[in-house]
Amino acid sequence: MRRYRNHEGYCDPTAGQAMENITREERRRRKALLVQEEQKPDKPLSPRYVNKPKNRRRNG
């Protein structure tokens, strides 16, 4: 457990434990999201058209 100090600089183990629990849960959720992202199948690429007409301004 890391030492946590309050805004006055005094050691505050109760708040430190609470903050540690919060950060641990955030890390756990972030890791779960990364695992989900890795398991998603890759999206198929959209077909590329070689001679696709480009949008051009009309002179007129």
PDB file of N, CA and C in Angstrom:
ATOM      1  N   MET A   1       0.852  -1.186   0.000  1.00  0.00           N
ATOM      2  CA  MET A   1       0.000   0.000   0.000  1.00  0.00           C
ATOM      3  C   MET A   1       0.886   1.235   0.000  1.00  0.00           C
ATOM      4  N   ARG A   2       0.574   2.159  -0.868  1.00  0.00           N
ATOM      5  CA  ARG A   2       1.322   3.407  -0.925  1.00  0.00           C
ATOM      6  C   ARG A   2       0.830   4.347   0.168  1.00  0.00           C
ATOM      7  N   ARG A   3       1.682   5.223   0.556  1.00  0.00           N
ATOM      8  CA  ARG A   3       1.271   6.220   1.550  1.00  0.00           C
ATOM      9  C   ARG A   3       0.485   7.319   0.862  1.00  0.00           C
ATOM     10  N   TYR A   4      -0.613   7.671   1.433  1.00  0.00           N
ATOM     11  CA  TYR A   4      -1.448   8.734   0.900  1.00  0.00           C
ATOM     12  C   TYR A   4      -1.476   9.862   1.905  1.00  0.00           C
ATOM     13  N   ARG A   5      -1.308  11.046   1.431  1.00  0.00           N
ATOM     14  CA  ARG A   5      -1.338  12.211   2.323  1.00  0.00           C
ATOM     15  C   ARG A   5      -2.484  13.125   1.912  1.00  0.00           C
ATOM     16  N   ASN A   6      -3.103  13.716   2.910  1.00  0.00           N
ATOM     17  CA  ASN A   6      -4.213  14.622   2.626  1.00  0.00           C
ATOM     18  C   ASN A   6      -3.680  15.988   2.191  1.00  0.00           C
ATOM     19  N   HIS A   7      -4.569  16.932   1.965  1.00  0.00           N
ATOM     20  CA  HIS A   7      -4.157  18.230   1.449  1.00  0.00           C
ATOM     21  C   HIS A   7      -3.308  19.018   2.439  1.00  0.00           C
ATOM     22  N   GLU A   8      -3.347  18.653   3.723  1.00  0.00           N
ATOM     23  CA  GLU A   8      -2.519  19.333   4.715  1.00  0.00           C
ATOM     24  C   GLU A   8      -1.154  18.669   4.876  1.00  0.00           C
ATOM     25  N   GLY A   9      -0.961  17.524   4.224  1.00  0.00           N
ATOM     26  CA  GLY A   9       0.321  16.852   4.268  1.00  0.00           C
ATOM     27  C   GLY A   9       0.413  15.740   5.298  1.00  0.00           C
ATOM     28  N   TYR A  10      -0.673  15.485   6.032  1.00  0.00           N
ATOM     29  CA  TYR A  10      -0.660  14.420   7.033  1.00  0.00           C
ATOM     30  C   TYR A  10      -0.987  13.075   6.388  1.00  0.00           C
ATOM     31  N   CYS A  11      -0.418  12.016   6.968  1.00  0.00           N
ATOM     32  CA  CYS A  11      -0.682  10.673   6.476  1.00  0.00           C
ATOM     33  C   CYS A  11      -2.152  10.322   6.719  1.00  0.00           C
ATOM     34  N   ASP A  12      -2.798   9.778   5.701  1.00  0.00           N
ATOM     35  CA  ASP A  12      -4.223   9.451   5.796  1.00  0.00           C
ATOM     36  C   ASP A  12      -4.438   8.039   5.236  1.00  0.00           C
ATOM     37  N   PRO A  13      -4.233   6.992   6.058  1.00  0.00           N
ATOM     38  CA  PRO A  13      -4.313   5.625   5.534  1.00  0.00           C
ATOM     39  C   PRO A  13      -5.714   5.212   5.075  1.00  0.00           C
ATOM     40  N   THR A  14      -6.765   5.752   5.673  1.00  0.00           N
ATOM     41  CA  THR A  14      -8.125   5.379   5.274  1.00  0.00           C
ATOM     42  C   THR A  14      -8.410   5.867   3.861  1.00  0.00           C
ATOM     43  N   ALA A  15      -8.107   7.103   3.600  1.00  0.00           N
ATOM     44  CA  ALA A  15      -8.309   7.649   2.260  1.00  0.00           C
ATOM     45  C   ALA A  15      -7.365   6.979   1.270  1.00  0.00           C
ATOM     46  N   GLY A  16      -6.163   6.646   1.718  1.00  0.00           N
ATOM     47  CA  GLY A  16      -5.212   5.963   0.851  1.00  0.00           C
ATOM     48  C   GLY A  16      -5.721   4.608   0.411  1.00  0.00           C
ATOM     49  N   GLN A  17      -6.311   3.866   1.339  1.00  0.00           N
ATOM     50  CA  GLN A  17      -6.877   2.558   1.002  1.00  0.00           C
ATOM     51  C   GLN A  17      -8.040   2.715   0.026  1.00  0.00           C
ATOM     52  N   ALA A  18      -8.875   3.726   0.237  1.00  0.00           N
ATOM     53  CA  ALA A  18     -10.008   3.961  -0.665  1.00  0.00           C
ATOM     54  C   ALA A  18      -9.519   4.312  -2.071  1.00  0.00           C
ATOM     55  N   MET A  19      -8.515   5.180  -2.156  1.00  0.00           N
ATOM     56  CA  MET A  19      -7.973   5.559  -3.458  1.00  0.00           C
ATOM     57  C   MET A  19      -7.318   4.362  -4.148  1.00  0.00           C
ATOM     58  N   GLU A  20      -6.666   3.520  -3.384  1.00  0.00           N
ATOM     59  CA  GLU A  20      -6.036   2.329  -3.946  1.00  0.00           C
ATOM     60  C   GLU A  20      -7.086   1.388  -4.530  1.00  0.00           C
ATOM     61  N   ASN A  21      -8.200   1.211  -3.827  1.00  0.00           N
ATOM     62  CA  ASN A  21      -9.277   0.362  -4.336  1.00  0.00           C
ATOM     63  C   ASN A  21      -9.860   0.916  -5.624  1.00  0.00           C
ATOM     64  N   ILE A  22     -10.012   2.224  -5.689  1.00  0.00           N
ATOM     65  CA  ILE A  22     -10.558   2.865  -6.889  1.00  0.00           C
ATOM     66  C   ILE A  22      -9.615   2.679  -8.068  1.00  0.00           C
ATOM     67  N   THR A  23      -8.328   2.935  -7.873  1.00  0.00           N
ATOM     68  CA  THR A  23      -7.380   2.797  -8.975  1.00  0.00           C
ATOM     69  C   THR A  23      -7.252   1.341  -9.415  1.00  0.00           C
ATOM     70  N   ARG A  24      -7.321   0.410  -8.486  1.00  0.00           N
ATOM     71  CA  ARG A  24      -7.252  -1.003  -8.830  1.00  0.00           C
ATOM     72  C   ARG A  24      -8.433  -1.387  -9.718  1.00  0.00           C
ATOM     73  N   GLU A  25      -9.635  -0.912  -9.365  1.00  0.00           N
ATOM     74  CA  GLU A  25     -10.827  -1.198 -10.160  1.00  0.00           C
ATOM     75  C   GLU A  25     -10.728  -0.556 -11.546  1.00  0.00           C
ATOM     76  N   GLU A  26     -10.201   0.676 -11.632  1.00  0.00           N
ATOM     77  CA  GLU A  26     -10.037   1.336 -12.922  1.00  0.00           C
ATOM     78  C   GLU A  26      -9.075   0.555 -13.808  1.00  0.00           C
ATOM     79  N   ARG A  27      -7.963   0.086 -13.229  1.00  0.00           N
ATOM     80  CA  ARG A  27      -7.005  -0.710 -13.995  1.00  0.00           C
ATOM     81  C   ARG A  27      -7.632  -2.001 -14.490  1.00  0.00           C
ATOM     82  N   ARG A  28      -8.435  -2.642 -13.651  1.00  0.00           N
ATOM     83  CA  ARG A  28      -9.094  -3.882 -14.018  1.00  0.00           C
ATOM     84  C   ARG A  28     -10.057  -3.657 -15.192  1.00  0.00           C
ATOM     85  N   ARG A  29     -10.825  -2.567 -15.142  1.00  0.00           N
ATOM     86  CA  ARG A  29     -11.766  -2.258 -16.226  1.00  0.00           C
ATOM     87  C   ARG A  29     -11.034  -1.930 -17.518  1.00  0.00           C
ATOM     88  N   ARG A  30      -9.950  -1.135 -17.416  1.00  0.00           N
ATOM     89  CA  ARG A  30      -9.181  -0.766 -18.596  1.00  0.00           C
ATOM     90  C   ARG A  30      -8.587  -2.008 -19.262  1.00  0.00           C
ATOM     91  N   LYS A  31      -8.088  -2.930 -18.451  1.00  0.00           N
ATOM     92  CA  LYS A  31      -7.514  -4.161 -18.979  1.00  0.00           C
ATOM     93  C   LYS A  31      -8.591  -5.003 -19.664  1.00  0.00           C
ATOM     94  N   ALA A  32      -9.786  -5.066 -19.073  1.00  0.00           N
ATOM     95  CA  ALA A  32     -10.884  -5.824 -19.671  1.00  0.00           C
ATOM     96  C   ALA A  32     -11.275  -5.231 -21.024  1.00  0.00           C
ATOM     97  N   LEU A  33     -11.275  -3.911 -21.144  1.00  0.00           N
ATOM     98  CA  LEU A  33     -11.594  -3.274 -22.420  1.00  0.00           C
ATOM     99  C   LEU A  33     -10.540  -3.595 -23.465  1.00  0.00           C
ATOM    100  N   LEU A  34      -9.273  -3.608 -23.073  1.00  0.00           N
ATOM    101  CA  LEU A  34      -8.211  -3.936 -24.016  1.00  0.00           C
ATOM    102  C   LEU A  34      -8.337  -5.367 -24.502  1.00  0.00           C
ATOM    103  N   VAL A  35      -8.693  -6.273 -23.620  1.00  0.00           N
ATOM    104  CA  VAL A  35      -8.861  -7.670 -24.010  1.00  0.00           C
ATOM    105  C   VAL A  35     -10.032  -7.800 -24.980  1.00  0.00           C
ATOM    106  N   GLN A  36     -11.111  -7.071 -24.739  1.00  0.00           N
ATOM    107  CA  GLN A  36     -12.262  -7.109 -25.645  1.00  0.00           C
ATOM    108  C   GLN A  36     -11.882  -6.583 -27.024  1.00  0.00           C
ATOM    109  N   GLU A  37     -11.088  -5.501 -27.067  1.00  0.00           N
ATOM    110  CA  GLU A  37     -10.670  -4.925 -28.342  1.00  0.00           C
ATOM    111  C   GLU A  37      -9.819  -5.913 -29.130  1.00  0.00           C
ATOM    112  N   GLU A  38      -8.958  -6.657 -28.437  1.00  0.00           N
ATOM    113  CA  GLU A  38      -8.106  -7.615 -29.124  1.00  0.00           C
ATOM    114  C   GLU A  38      -8.910  -8.780 -29.677  1.00  0.00           C
ATOM    115  N   GLN A  39     -10.037  -9.114 -29.065  1.00  0.00           N
ATOM    116  CA  GLN A  39     -10.833 -10.252 -29.498  1.00  0.00           C
ATOM    117  C   GLN A  39     -11.788  -9.923 -30.633  1.00  0.00           C
ATOM    118  N   LYS A  40     -11.996  -8.646 -30.920  1.00  0.00           N
ATOM    119  CA  LYS A  40     -12.905  -8.267 -32.001  1.00  0.00           C
ATOM    120  C   LYS A  40     -12.296  -8.652 -33.346  1.00  0.00           C
ATOM    121  N   PRO A  41     -13.104  -9.183 -34.252  1.00  0.00           N
ATOM    122  CA  PRO A  41     -12.575  -9.492 -35.585  1.00  0.00           C
ATOM    123  C   PRO A  41     -12.294  -8.195 -36.345  1.00  0.00           C
ATOM    124  N   ASP A  42     -11.303  -8.240 -37.197  1.00  0.00           N
ATOM    125  CA  ASP A  42     -10.970  -7.063 -37.999  1.00  0.00           C
ATOM    126  C   ASP A  42     -12.081  -6.772 -38.990  1.00  0.00           C
ATOM    127  N   LYS A  43     -12.316  -5.504 -39.219  1.00  0.00           N
ATOM    128  CA  LYS A  43     -13.332  -5.101 -40.180  1.00  0.00           C
ATOM    129  C   LYS A  43     -12.796  -5.330 -41.597  1.00  0.00           C
ATOM    130  N   PRO A  44     -13.632  -5.815 -42.486  1.00  0.00           N
ATOM    131  CA  PRO A  44     -13.162  -5.959 -43.866  1.00  0.00           C
ATOM    132  C   PRO A  44     -12.953  -4.574 -44.479  1.00  0.00           C
ATOM    133  N   LEU A  45     -11.926  -4.467 -45.275  1.00  0.00           N
ATOM    134  CA  LEU A  45     -11.640  -3.183 -45.906  1.00  0.00           C
ATOM    135  C   LEU A  45     -12.648  -2.902 -47.002  1.00  0.00           C
ATOM    136  N   SER A  46     -13.007  -1.642 -47.140  1.00  0.00           N
ATOM    137  CA  SER A  46     -13.925  -1.277 -48.207  1.00  0.00           C
ATOM    138  C   SER A  46     -13.180  -1.387 -49.535  1.00  0.00           C
ATOM    139  N   PRO A  47     -13.869  -1.789 -50.583  1.00  0.00           N
ATOM    140  CA  PRO A  47     -13.173  -1.942 -51.871  1.00  0.00           C
ATOM    141  C   PRO A  47     -12.701  -0.586 -52.384  1.00  0.00           C
ATOM    142  N   ARG A  48     -11.528  -0.602 -52.947  1.00  0.00           N
ATOM    143  CA  ARG A  48     -10.985   0.638 -53.514  1.00  0.00           C
ATOM    144  C   ARG A  48     -11.213   0.612 -55.023  1.00  0.00           C
ATOM    145  N   TYR A  49     -11.658   1.705 -55.537  1.00  0.00           N
ATOM    146  CA  TYR A  49     -11.902   1.830 -56.958  1.00  0.00           C
ATOM    147  C   TYR A  49     -10.781   2.647 -57.565  1.00  0.00           C
ATOM    148  N   VAL A  50     -10.121   2.065 -58.547  1.00  0.00           N
ATOM    149  CA  VAL A  50      -8.978   2.739 -59.150  1.00  0.00           C
ATOM    150  C   VAL A  50      -9.426   3.951 -59.939  1.00  0.00           C
ATOM    151  N   ASN A  51     -10.468   3.811 -60.703  1.00  0.00           N
ATOM    152  CA  ASN A  51     -10.927   4.900 -61.568  1.00  0.00           C
ATOM    153  C   ASN A  51     -12.137   5.613 -60.984  1.00  0.00           C
ATOM    154  N   LYS A  52     -12.188   5.728 -59.705  1.00  0.00           N
ATOM    155  CA  LYS A  52     -13.323   6.386 -59.056  1.00  0.00           C
ATOM    156  C   LYS A  52     -13.302   7.877 -59.383  1.00  0.00           C
ATOM    157  N   PRO A  53     -14.424   8.419 -59.866  1.00  0.00           N
ATOM    158  CA  PRO A  53     -14.433   9.848 -60.185  1.00  0.00           C
ATOM    159  C   PRO A  53     -14.300  10.690 -58.926  1.00  0.00           C
ATOM    160  N   LYS A  54     -13.541  11.746 -59.034  1.00  0.00           N
ATOM    161  CA  LYS A  54     -13.323  12.636 -57.893  1.00  0.00           C
ATOM    162  C   LYS A  54     -14.340  13.779 -57.951  1.00  0.00           C
ATOM    163  N   ASN A  55     -14.656  14.291 -56.783  1.00  0.00           N
ATOM    164  CA  ASN A  55     -15.577  15.434 -56.744  1.00  0.00           C
ATOM    165  C   ASN A  55     -14.830  16.669 -57.239  1.00  0.00           C
ATOM    166  N   ARG A  56     -15.375  17.268 -58.257  1.00  0.00           N
ATOM    167  CA  ARG A  56     -14.746  18.454 -58.817  1.00  0.00           C
ATOM    168  C   ARG A  56     -15.739  19.592 -58.845  1.00  0.00           C
ATOM    169  N   ARG A  57     -15.197  20.779 -58.778  1.00  0.00           N
ATOM    170  CA  ARG A  57     -16.068  21.956 -58.914  1.00  0.00           C
ATOM    171  C   ARG A  57     -16.488  22.113 -60.366  1.00  0.00           C
ATOM    172  N   ARG A  58     -17.703  22.509 -60.509  1.00  0.00           N
ATOM    173  CA  ARG A  58     -18.176  22.773 -61.877  1.00  0.00           C
ATOM    174  C   ARG A  58     -17.969  24.254 -62.187  1.00  0.00           C
ATOM    175  N   ASN A  59     -17.350  24.499 -63.266  1.00  0.00           N
ATOM    176  CA  ASN A  59     -17.167  25.899 -63.708  1.00  0.00           C
ATOM    177  C   ASN A  59     -18.430  26.316 -64.442  1.00  0.00           C
ATOM    178  N   GLY A  60     -19.000  27.371 -63.966  1.00  0.00           N
ATOM    179  CA  GLY A  60     -20.179  27.696 -64.711  1.00  0.00           C
ATOM    180  C   GLY A  60     -20.732  28.955 -64.365  1.00  0.00           C
TER     181      GLY A  60
END
